[in-house]
Protein backbone atom coordinates (compact mmCIF):
# COMPACT_ATOMS: atom_id res chain seq x y z
CA MET A 1 -53.35 -193.12 63.81
CA ASN A 2 -53.91 -193.58 60.08
CA TYR A 3 -50.70 -195.37 59.10
CA SER A 4 -51.29 -194.69 55.37
CA THR A 5 -50.53 -191.02 56.12
CA ALA A 6 -47.49 -191.71 58.30
CA VAL A 7 -45.15 -191.32 55.32
CA PHE A 8 -45.94 -187.57 55.36
CA LEU A 9 -44.29 -187.42 58.81
CA ILE A 10 -41.04 -189.01 57.67
CA ASN A 11 -40.63 -187.69 54.13
CA LYS A 12 -41.16 -184.01 53.35
CA ASN A 13 -41.19 -184.76 49.59
CA VAL A 14 -44.49 -186.65 49.74
CA ARG A 15 -47.32 -184.58 48.30
CA ALA A 16 -51.06 -184.82 48.86
CA VAL A 17 -53.01 -184.44 45.62
CA GLN A 18 -56.77 -184.19 45.24
CA VAL A 19 -58.46 -185.76 42.23
CA THR A 20 -61.97 -186.27 40.87
CA TYR A 21 -63.38 -189.33 39.18
CA GLU A 22 -66.09 -187.32 37.42
CA ALA A 23 -65.93 -184.26 35.14
CA THR A 24 -68.57 -182.22 36.97
CA GLU A 25 -67.75 -179.10 38.99
CA ASN A 26 -69.26 -180.49 42.20
CA ALA A 27 -67.70 -183.95 41.89
CA SER A 28 -66.41 -185.40 45.11
CA ARG A 29 -62.68 -185.24 45.69
CA GLU A 30 -60.34 -187.89 46.94
CA THR A 31 -56.80 -187.37 48.17
CA PHE A 32 -53.84 -189.48 47.05
CA LYS A 33 -50.15 -189.30 47.81
CA THR A 34 -47.23 -189.04 45.42
CA LEU A 35 -43.53 -188.30 45.23
CA ASP A 36 -43.90 -186.88 41.72
CA LYS A 37 -43.14 -183.15 41.93
CA SER A 38 -44.30 -182.55 38.35
CA ILE A 39 -47.99 -183.38 38.95
CA LYS A 40 -50.14 -180.27 38.52
CA VAL A 41 -53.78 -179.25 38.37
CA ASP A 42 -55.55 -180.53 35.22
CA ASP A 43 -53.17 -183.49 34.81
CA PHE A 44 -54.71 -186.93 34.45
CA VAL A 45 -53.40 -189.59 36.81
CA VAL A 46 -53.91 -193.31 37.23
CA VAL A 47 -55.00 -194.31 40.72
CA PRO A 48 -55.73 -197.67 42.33
CA THR A 49 -59.39 -198.73 42.70
CA ASP A 50 -61.38 -201.81 43.64
CA THR A 51 -63.07 -202.02 40.22
CA ARG A 52 -62.20 -203.03 36.67
CA HIS A 53 -58.47 -203.66 36.40
CA LYS A 54 -57.91 -202.29 39.89
CA MET A 55 -57.06 -198.84 38.52
CA THR A 56 -58.72 -195.89 36.85
CA VAL A 57 -57.96 -192.41 35.51
CA CYS A 58 -58.76 -189.27 37.49
CA LYS A 59 -58.22 -185.56 36.95
CA VAL A 60 -56.08 -183.57 39.36
CA VAL A 61 -58.01 -180.64 40.88
CA ALA A 62 -55.63 -179.56 43.68
CA VAL A 63 -52.03 -180.21 44.66
CA ASP A 64 -50.11 -179.94 47.91
CA VAL A 65 -53.28 -180.02 50.00
CA ASP A 66 -53.25 -180.41 53.76
CA VAL A 67 -53.35 -183.95 55.10
CA ASN A 68 -55.98 -184.88 57.65
CA PHE A 69 -54.03 -187.10 59.99
CA ASP A 70 -57.19 -187.75 62.04
CA SER A 71 -59.03 -189.31 59.10
CA SER A 72 -59.39 -193.07 59.22
CA ALA A 73 -59.73 -193.32 55.42
CA PRO A 74 -56.68 -194.98 53.88
CA MET A 75 -54.71 -192.83 51.43
CA ALA A 76 -53.33 -194.64 48.38
CA TRP A 77 -50.44 -193.74 46.12
CA ILE A 78 -50.94 -192.30 42.65
CA ILE A 79 -49.79 -194.93 40.15
CA GLY A 80 -48.63 -192.43 37.56
CA VAL A 81 -49.38 -189.51 35.27
CA VAL A 82 -51.13 -190.14 31.97
CA ASP A 83 -48.93 -188.86 29.14
CA ARG A 84 -51.52 -187.62 26.66
CA GLY A 85 -48.93 -185.99 24.37
CA PRO A 86 -48.55 -188.83 21.85
CA TRP A 87 -52.34 -189.39 21.81
CA GLN A 88 -52.96 -185.67 21.20
CA VAL A 89 -50.51 -185.73 18.26
CA VAL A 90 -52.28 -188.74 16.72
CA MET A 91 -55.71 -187.15 17.25
CA SER A 92 -54.55 -183.93 15.57
CA GLN A 93 -53.09 -185.85 12.63
CA GLU A 94 -56.28 -187.87 12.28
CA GLY A 95 -58.32 -184.65 12.30
CA ASP A 96 -56.15 -183.23 9.51
CA ALA A 97 -56.53 -186.46 7.51
CA ILE A 98 -60.31 -186.49 7.95
CA ALA A 99 -60.53 -182.83 6.83
CA ALA A 100 -58.50 -183.64 3.70
CA ILE A 101 -60.66 -186.68 2.92
CA ARG A 102 -63.86 -184.67 3.38
CA ALA A 103 -62.55 -181.94 1.06
CA ALA A 104 -61.64 -184.57 -1.53
CA GLU A 105 -65.13 -186.10 -1.24
CA VAL A 106 -66.78 -182.72 -1.76
CA ASN A 107 -64.59 -182.01 -4.81
CA LYS A 108 -65.31 -185.43 -6.30
CA LYS A 109 -69.05 -185.10 -5.76
CA ARG A 110 -69.00 -181.60 -7.27
CA ASP A 111 -67.03 -182.83 -10.31
CA ASP A 112 -69.22 -185.90 -10.77
CA LEU A 113 -72.39 -183.86 -10.45
CA ARG A 114 -71.09 -181.23 -12.89
CA LYS A 115 -70.22 -183.88 -15.45
CA ALA A 116 -73.51 -185.75 -15.03
CA LEU A 117 -75.79 -182.74 -15.10
CA LEU A 118 -74.03 -180.65 -17.71
CA ALA A 119 -72.86 -183.31 -20.16
CA ASP A 120 -75.85 -182.97 -22.49
CA HIS A 121 -75.70 -179.18 -22.59
CA ALA A 122 -71.98 -178.38 -22.60
CA ASP A 123 -71.96 -176.45 -25.89
CA GLN A 124 -75.03 -174.44 -24.92
CA LEU A 125 -73.57 -173.56 -21.49
CA LYS A 126 -70.16 -172.62 -22.92
CA ALA A 127 -71.89 -170.06 -25.14
CA LEU A 128 -73.40 -168.22 -22.17
CA PRO A 129 -71.44 -165.16 -20.97
CA ILE A 130 -71.82 -166.25 -17.33
CA SER A 131 -69.69 -169.34 -18.00
CA VAL A 132 -66.51 -167.23 -18.00
CA LEU A 133 -67.25 -164.91 -15.06
CA ASN A 134 -64.69 -165.25 -12.25
CA GLY A 135 -62.77 -167.93 -14.14
CA ASP A 136 -63.16 -170.18 -17.11
CA ILE A 137 -66.02 -172.41 -15.96
CA ALA A 138 -66.36 -173.73 -19.50
CA ALA A 139 -62.95 -175.39 -19.13
CA GLY A 140 -64.43 -177.70 -16.50
CA LEU A 141 -67.30 -178.85 -18.68
CA PRO A 142 -67.24 -182.29 -20.27
CA GLY A 143 -65.34 -182.44 -23.53
CA LYS A 144 -62.76 -179.85 -22.44
């Protein structure tokens, strides 16, 4: 008997959860056990490994799967669910900040280029009818 699966015989709340280490569709699956009823497909979980810091992150691909009691492969416990909520908030805020900075850079470059290129011809450009189409472009010229 595989004693690492014996807990399924004595506790009906233990769940078998399949995960993948890789993001490909045909990635191999490994089964872990948990008491966490909230774990669902597409969650990320930390599982024990024999590499790095003796743990790694996997993606849940199936929950409440059948247990193969005849398998000799040991079944480990899931360490915990990765709470990506705070990280997702920070990533969203950073994205908003980067968008604002990029917009400011574009505006500054446009203003600097306008001032540099048009400085010597401001009066001549202000006299052209096109300078007031769709807004007072002349107001943005140097000296105004």
